[in-house]
Protein backbone atom coordinates (compact mmCIF):
# COMPACT_ATOMS: atom_id res chain seq x y z
CA MET A 1 8.33 -7.97 -21.02
CA PRO A 2 7.25 -7.44 -17.42
CA GLY A 3 8.59 -4.44 -15.55
CA SER A 4 10.18 -4.11 -12.13
CA ILE A 5 8.60 -2.46 -9.05
CA ALA A 6 10.06 -0.12 -6.44
CA VAL A 7 8.07 0.74 -3.33
CA ILE A 8 9.10 4.01 -1.66
CA GLY A 9 7.78 4.08 1.87
CA SER A 10 7.71 3.20 5.53
CA LEU A 11 9.08 0.25 7.47
CA ASN A 12 7.58 -0.22 10.95
CA ILE A 13 7.61 -2.79 13.69
CA ASP A 14 3.97 -3.62 14.50
CA PHE A 15 2.80 -4.25 18.05
CA ILE A 16 -0.61 -5.87 17.55
CA THR A 17 -3.16 -6.27 20.34
CA ARG A 18 -6.49 -8.08 19.87
CA THR A 19 -9.33 -7.15 22.18
CA PRO A 20 -13.03 -8.01 22.51
CA ARG A 21 -13.75 -4.27 22.47
CA VAL A 22 -11.90 -0.97 22.61
CA PRO A 23 -11.42 0.26 26.20
CA ALA A 24 -13.00 3.52 27.29
CA GLY A 25 -10.89 6.45 28.50
CA GLY A 26 -9.15 5.58 31.78
CA GLU A 27 -10.24 1.92 31.59
CA THR A 28 -7.88 -1.05 31.80
CA LEU A 29 -9.10 -4.04 29.80
CA GLU A 30 -7.60 -7.51 29.46
CA ALA A 31 -6.64 -8.17 25.85
CA SER A 32 -7.19 -11.51 24.12
CA SER A 33 -3.73 -11.79 22.53
CA SER A 34 -0.74 -9.85 21.25
CA ASP A 35 1.90 -10.20 18.53
CA THR A 36 4.95 -8.38 17.22
CA GLY A 37 5.55 -8.29 13.49
CA PHE A 38 6.96 -6.37 10.55
CA GLY A 39 4.77 -3.76 8.88
CA GLY A 40 4.45 -0.21 7.63
CA LYS A 41 2.43 0.65 4.54
CA GLY A 42 5.51 0.72 2.34
CA ALA A 43 6.91 -2.57 3.56
CA ASN A 44 3.47 -4.23 3.44
CA GLN A 45 3.01 -3.15 -0.17
CA ALA A 46 6.49 -4.36 -1.13
CA VAL A 47 5.78 -7.76 0.45
CA ALA A 48 2.43 -7.89 -1.36
CA CYS A 49 4.22 -7.21 -4.66
CA ALA A 50 6.79 -9.93 -3.95
CA ARG A 51 4.33 -12.57 -2.74
CA LEU A 52 1.67 -11.95 -5.39
CA SER A 53 4.25 -12.39 -8.15
CA ARG A 54 5.67 -15.64 -6.70
CA ASN A 55 4.67 -18.95 -5.20
CA SER A 56 5.42 -19.63 -1.54
CA ASP A 57 8.55 -21.64 -2.47
CA GLY A 58 9.91 -18.65 -4.37
CA SER A 59 9.19 -20.10 -7.79
CA THR A 60 7.59 -18.08 -10.56
CA PRO A 61 3.97 -18.87 -11.47
CA VAL A 62 3.50 -20.83 -14.70
CA ALA A 63 3.78 -18.68 -17.85
CA SER A 64 5.11 -15.71 -15.85
CA THR A 65 8.47 -13.96 -15.81
CA PRO A 66 10.04 -12.98 -12.46
CA ILE A 67 9.31 -9.43 -11.33
CA LYS A 68 12.04 -7.64 -9.38
CA VAL A 69 10.65 -5.89 -6.30
CA SER A 70 12.76 -3.30 -4.46
CA MET A 71 12.03 -1.66 -1.11
CA VAL A 72 13.23 1.91 -0.61
CA GLY A 73 13.13 3.41 2.89
CA PHE A 74 14.77 3.93 6.25
CA VAL A 75 15.21 1.83 9.41
CA GLY A 76 16.96 2.57 12.69
CA GLU A 77 20.39 1.51 13.81
CA ASP A 78 18.85 -1.07 16.13
CA SER A 79 18.09 -4.79 16.17
CA PHE A 80 14.64 -4.12 14.69
CA GLY A 81 16.27 -2.54 11.64
CA SER A 82 18.61 -5.48 11.06
CA ASP A 83 15.80 -7.98 11.55
CA PHE A 84 13.60 -6.05 9.12
CA ILE A 85 16.18 -6.11 6.33
CA ALA A 86 16.67 -9.87 6.85
CA ALA A 87 12.89 -10.45 6.68
CA MET A 88 12.63 -8.48 3.42
CA LYS A 89 15.38 -10.60 1.87
CA GLU A 90 13.56 -13.79 2.88
CA THR A 91 10.54 -12.55 0.90
CA PHE A 92 12.70 -12.14 -2.25
CA ILE A 93 12.81 -8.33 -2.00
CA ASP A 94 15.86 -6.32 -3.07
CA THR A 95 16.98 -4.42 0.07
CA THR A 96 19.84 -2.46 -1.53
CA HIS A 97 17.90 0.79 -1.09
CA ILE A 98 16.95 0.36 2.59
CA GLN A 99 19.16 2.73 4.59
CA LYS A 100 20.09 2.38 8.28
CA VAL A 101 19.96 5.79 9.97
CA THR A 102 22.59 6.46 12.63
CA GLY A 103 21.15 7.38 16.02
CA GLN A 104 17.56 6.60 15.01
CA LYS A 105 15.05 3.95 16.08
CA THR A 106 13.04 1.93 13.58
CA GLY A 107 9.46 3.15 13.17
CA ILE A 108 6.72 1.49 15.20
CA ALA A 109 2.95 1.09 14.96
CA ASN A 110 0.63 0.14 17.81
CA ILE A 111 -2.37 -1.69 16.31
CA ILE A 112 -5.54 -2.49 18.24
CA VAL A 113 -7.81 -5.02 16.53
CA GLU A 114 -11.42 -5.33 17.70
CA GLU A 115 -12.16 -9.06 17.41
CA LYS A 116 -15.88 -8.85 16.75
CA THR A 117 -15.54 -6.76 13.60
CA GLY A 118 -11.87 -7.19 12.64
CA GLU A 119 -11.60 -3.39 12.44
CA ASN A 120 -8.31 -1.82 13.51
CA ARG A 121 -7.07 1.38 15.13
CA ILE A 122 -3.44 2.35 14.55
CA LEU A 123 -0.98 4.70 16.29
CA PHE A 124 2.10 5.31 14.13
CA CYS A 125 5.45 6.67 15.39
CA PRO A 126 7.66 7.28 12.32
CA ASN A 127 11.14 7.49 13.91
CA ALA A 128 13.65 6.60 11.13
CA ASN A 129 10.97 6.91 8.43
CA PHE A 130 11.12 10.68 8.91
CA ALA A 131 14.90 10.83 9.33
CA GLY A 132 15.33 12.61 6.01
CA GLY A 133 13.06 15.42 7.14
CA ASP A 134 11.92 17.80 4.42
CA GLU A 135 15.21 17.61 2.52
CA ALA A 136 14.49 16.46 -1.02
CA LYS A 137 16.48 13.26 -1.55
CA ASP A 138 16.42 11.30 -4.79
CA LEU A 139 15.12 7.82 -3.92
CA ILE A 140 14.07 6.36 -7.29
CA PRO A 141 15.97 3.21 -8.42
CA GLU A 142 16.95 3.55 -12.07
CA ASP A 143 15.77 0.04 -12.98
CA ALA A 144 12.21 0.49 -11.64
CA ASP A 145 9.36 0.64 -14.15
CA VAL A 146 6.51 0.96 -11.63
CA VAL A 147 7.00 3.10 -8.50
CA VAL A 148 4.59 2.96 -5.54
CA PHE A 149 4.15 5.69 -2.91
CA GLN A 150 2.16 6.25 0.31
CA LEU A 151 2.23 9.00 2.99
CA GLU A 152 4.12 7.51 5.95
CA MET A 153 7.16 9.55 4.88
CA PRO A 154 7.53 13.36 4.94
CA LEU A 155 5.23 14.89 2.31
CA ALA A 156 8.08 16.94 0.80
CA GLN A 157 10.04 13.73 0.15
CA VAL A 158 7.02 12.05 -1.44
CA VAL A 159 6.22 15.04 -3.66
CA HIS A 160 9.83 15.39 -4.83
CA ASN A 161 10.16 11.71 -5.70
CA ILE A 162 6.79 11.43 -7.43
CA LYS A 163 7.84 14.25 -9.75
CA LEU A 164 11.28 12.66 -10.18
CA ALA A 165 9.77 9.25 -11.03
CA HIS A 166 7.47 10.88 -13.58
CA SER A 167 10.37 12.74 -15.19
CA LYS A 168 12.20 9.41 -15.58
CA GLY A 169 9.23 7.82 -17.36
CA LYS A 170 8.16 5.55 -14.49
CA TYR A 171 4.53 4.51 -13.96
CA VAL A 172 3.57 6.17 -10.65
CA ILE A 173 1.05 4.63 -8.24
CA MET A 174 -0.03 6.75 -5.27
CA ASN A 175 -1.92 5.45 -2.22
CA PRO A 176 -2.55 8.61 -0.13
CA ALA A 177 -2.55 6.95 3.29
CA PRO A 178 -2.59 8.14 6.02
CA ALA A 179 -4.68 10.69 4.13
CA GLN A 180 -3.77 14.36 3.94
CA LYS A 181 -4.36 17.06 1.39
CA LEU A 182 -1.95 16.91 -1.57
CA PRO A 183 -0.55 19.84 -3.57
CA GLU A 184 -2.92 20.49 -6.47
CA ASP A 185 -0.11 20.37 -9.03
CA LEU A 186 0.90 16.84 -7.95
CA TYR A 187 -2.00 14.92 -9.50
CA GLN A 188 -0.66 15.32 -13.05
CA TYR A 189 2.36 13.20 -12.05
CA ILE A 190 0.32 10.34 -10.51
CA ASP A 191 -0.62 7.76 -13.16
CA CYS A 192 -2.84 5.69 -10.84
CA LEU A 193 -4.48 7.06 -7.67
CA ILE A 194 -5.71 4.35 -5.25
CA MET A 195 -7.67 5.38 -2.16
CA ASN A 196 -10.43 4.20 0.16
CA GLU A 197 -13.63 6.13 0.86
CA SER A 198 -12.32 8.15 3.80
CA GLU A 199 -9.13 9.03 1.93
CA ALA A 200 -11.19 10.18 -1.06
CA ASP A 201 -13.27 12.39 1.25
CA ILE A 202 -10.14 14.02 2.73
CA LEU A 203 -8.45 14.59 -0.63
CA ARG A 204 -11.54 16.22 -2.11
CA GLU A 205 -12.33 18.08 1.15
CA ALA A 206 -15.85 16.67 1.09
CA LYS A 207 -18.52 18.15 3.36
CA GLU A 208 -20.72 15.07 3.00
CA GLU A 209 -19.91 11.34 3.17
CA LEU A 210 -19.18 9.62 -0.11
CA LYS A 211 -22.17 7.81 -1.65
CA ASP A 212 -22.01 5.04 -4.25
CA ASP A 213 -23.79 7.21 -6.81
CA ASP A 214 -21.02 9.80 -6.45
CA LEU A 215 -18.20 7.46 -7.53
CA PRO A 216 -18.14 8.21 -11.30
CA GLN A 217 -18.18 11.96 -10.65
CA ILE A 218 -15.46 11.71 -8.00
CA CYS A 219 -13.19 9.90 -10.47
CA GLU A 220 -13.90 12.58 -13.08
CA ASP A 221 -13.00 15.26 -10.54
CA PHE A 222 -9.58 13.68 -10.00
CA PHE A 223 -9.04 13.39 -13.75
CA ARG A 224 -9.78 17.11 -14.00
CA ARG A 225 -7.16 17.70 -11.31
CA GLY A 226 -4.66 16.00 -13.59
CA VAL A 227 -4.55 12.22 -12.94
CA PRO A 228 -3.63 10.93 -16.42
CA ASP A 229 -4.56 7.23 -16.35
CA MET A 230 -6.65 5.61 -13.60
CA VAL A 231 -8.53 6.36 -10.37
CA VAL A 232 -9.41 3.48 -8.03
CA ILE A 233 -11.63 3.72 -4.93
CA THR A 234 -11.69 0.70 -2.61
CA LEU A 235 -15.00 0.19 -0.77
CA GLY A 236 -14.22 -2.51 1.80
CA ALA A 237 -16.79 -5.30 1.75
CA LYS A 238 -18.62 -3.52 -1.09
CA GLY A 239 -15.70 -4.08 -3.48
CA VAL A 240 -13.87 -1.61 -5.73
CA TYR A 241 -14.82 1.12 -8.18
CA HIS A 242 -12.34 2.05 -10.90
CA SER A 243 -12.25 4.44 -13.81
CA ALA A 244 -9.65 4.37 -16.57
CA LYS A 245 -9.54 7.80 -18.24
CA SER A 246 -11.32 7.95 -21.60
CA ARG A 247 -11.68 4.14 -21.58
CA THR A 248 -13.69 2.06 -19.15
CA SER A 249 -15.06 2.22 -15.63
CA GLY A 250 -16.95 -0.15 -13.40
CA HIS A 251 -17.66 -1.70 -10.04
CA THR A 252 -16.00 -4.95 -8.92
CA PRO A 253 -18.10 -6.64 -6.20
CA GLY A 254 -16.51 -7.54 -2.88
CA ARG A 255 -15.31 -11.11 -2.39
CA LYS A 256 -16.92 -13.17 0.37
CA ALA A 257 -14.50 -13.49 3.28
CA LYS A 258 -14.58 -14.34 6.96
CA VAL A 259 -13.08 -11.15 8.37
CA VAL A 260 -10.48 -11.67 11.09
CA ASP A 261 -8.24 -8.59 10.70
CA THR A 262 -8.41 -5.82 8.07
CA THR A 263 -4.98 -4.34 8.86
CA ALA A 264 -3.12 -4.98 5.57
CA ALA A 265 -6.03 -5.40 3.16
CA GLY A 266 -5.55 -2.03 1.46
CA ASP A 267 -1.79 -2.56 1.16
CA THR A 268 -2.36 -5.99 -0.40
CA PHE A 269 -4.73 -4.46 -2.95
CA VAL A 270 -2.14 -1.83 -3.91
CA GLY A 271 0.58 -4.48 -4.23
CA GLY A 272 -1.64 -6.74 -6.30
CA LEU A 273 -2.51 -3.97 -8.74
CA ALA A 274 1.15 -2.91 -8.99
CA VAL A 275 2.10 -6.50 -9.90
CA GLU A 276 -0.53 -6.63 -12.64
CA ILE A 277 0.63 -3.30 -14.08
CA ALA A 278 4.27 -4.45 -13.98
CA LYS A 279 3.31 -7.71 -15.74
CA ASN A 280 1.78 -5.54 -18.46
CA GLY A 281 5.11 -3.79 -19.02
CA GLY A 282 4.46 -0.83 -16.73
CA LYS A 283 1.16 0.30 -18.20
CA THR A 284 -2.56 -0.47 -17.95
CA PRO A 285 -4.55 -2.20 -20.71
CA GLU A 286 -7.61 -0.74 -22.41
CA ALA A 287 -9.87 -2.61 -19.97
CA PRO A 288 -8.17 -3.06 -16.56
CA ALA A 289 -11.06 -4.92 -14.86
CA LYS A 290 -9.09 -8.21 -14.61
CA MET A 291 -6.27 -6.39 -12.83
CA ILE A 292 -8.75 -5.01 -10.32
CA GLU A 293 -10.28 -8.45 -9.78
CA PHE A 294 -6.86 -9.97 -9.03
CA ALA A 295 -5.97 -7.28 -6.48
CA ASN A 296 -9.44 -7.50 -4.90
CA SER A 297 -9.16 -11.28 -4.54
CA ALA A 298 -5.77 -10.95 -2.84
CA ALA A 299 -7.11 -8.35 -0.38
CA ALA A 300 -10.04 -10.63 0.48
CA ARG A 301 -7.65 -13.45 1.39
CA THR A 302 -5.63 -11.09 3.58
CA VAL A 303 -8.54 -10.18 5.90
CA GLU A 304 -9.08 -13.87 6.70
CA LYS A 305 -5.81 -14.05 8.68
CA PRO A 306 -4.54 -12.14 11.73
CA GLY A 307 -1.64 -9.72 11.45
CA ALA A 308 -0.39 -7.40 8.75
CA MET A 309 2.53 -8.60 6.64
CA SER A 310 2.09 -12.20 7.80
CA ALA A 311 -1.47 -12.25 6.44
CA ILE A 312 -0.55 -11.32 2.85
CA PRO A 313 -1.00 -14.34 0.54
CA TRP A 314 1.42 -15.81 -1.97
CA PHE A 315 0.28 -16.22 -5.58
CA ASN A 316 -0.39 -19.96 -5.16
CA GLU A 317 -2.65 -19.27 -2.14
CA LEU A 318 -5.19 -17.32 -4.21
């Protein structure tokens, strides 16, 4: 039987500006276009889970069983917060665990997309996402089998709930973004660690840039730190490297894509892999390469559209 997914993380309103180039200090530059949308790494990953387990009409893909996806997080007591909850519901996400915080604004992110490359630069203001401060609150839904975390919430909250999810027998996925050093004792509670190259460099406090030949050793280093199941390193256009402890490892080539905007590609990958693990009953198979290929394909489709959440594909669009 497939499991259910809970994503513990941020909900932000995105203000997206597209520009032919990034302005220099003190320069005013006319932008090409702008949009406002829903985002945040947590919300993006929850939407990716919901869309990649359903068709665009809400139906379940053939030979699949519906996967319940819950979003857990905080929004402000403002119109943005109300609109966000409504948008989550429209994407077939359980919003029971989204809390409105009195006297707080919903988090925002200012995103600048350079049109020529599709690369983005992001300024994040957490607002309600950090409303809980460092107080350790229990945020894990009892019915979740797979629980997904990122780092757009206070680190103390993330650490507490990763350990809580592990103690309850949940499969824990951690995407350490925006990257910061994690407590060394935390890795033993993270079943699957998913990171890009720069995040891997920060977590391992590397003095030199990551090279492709280093990937197997880097995965082994994280296993030695305590990761019990799988380490995944996303490589952008070069694809994905994964290693499943004591089982298999390998490189999945990048999919060809016309890059428009890379904003939610990593979040789509995380959501896609979470869906595949949930479909497998909250665990990974002996050889998880097909799971990686599915998530990689979904991320490739995402970069071909502008925006963050709006660019994430449904299952029938793959």
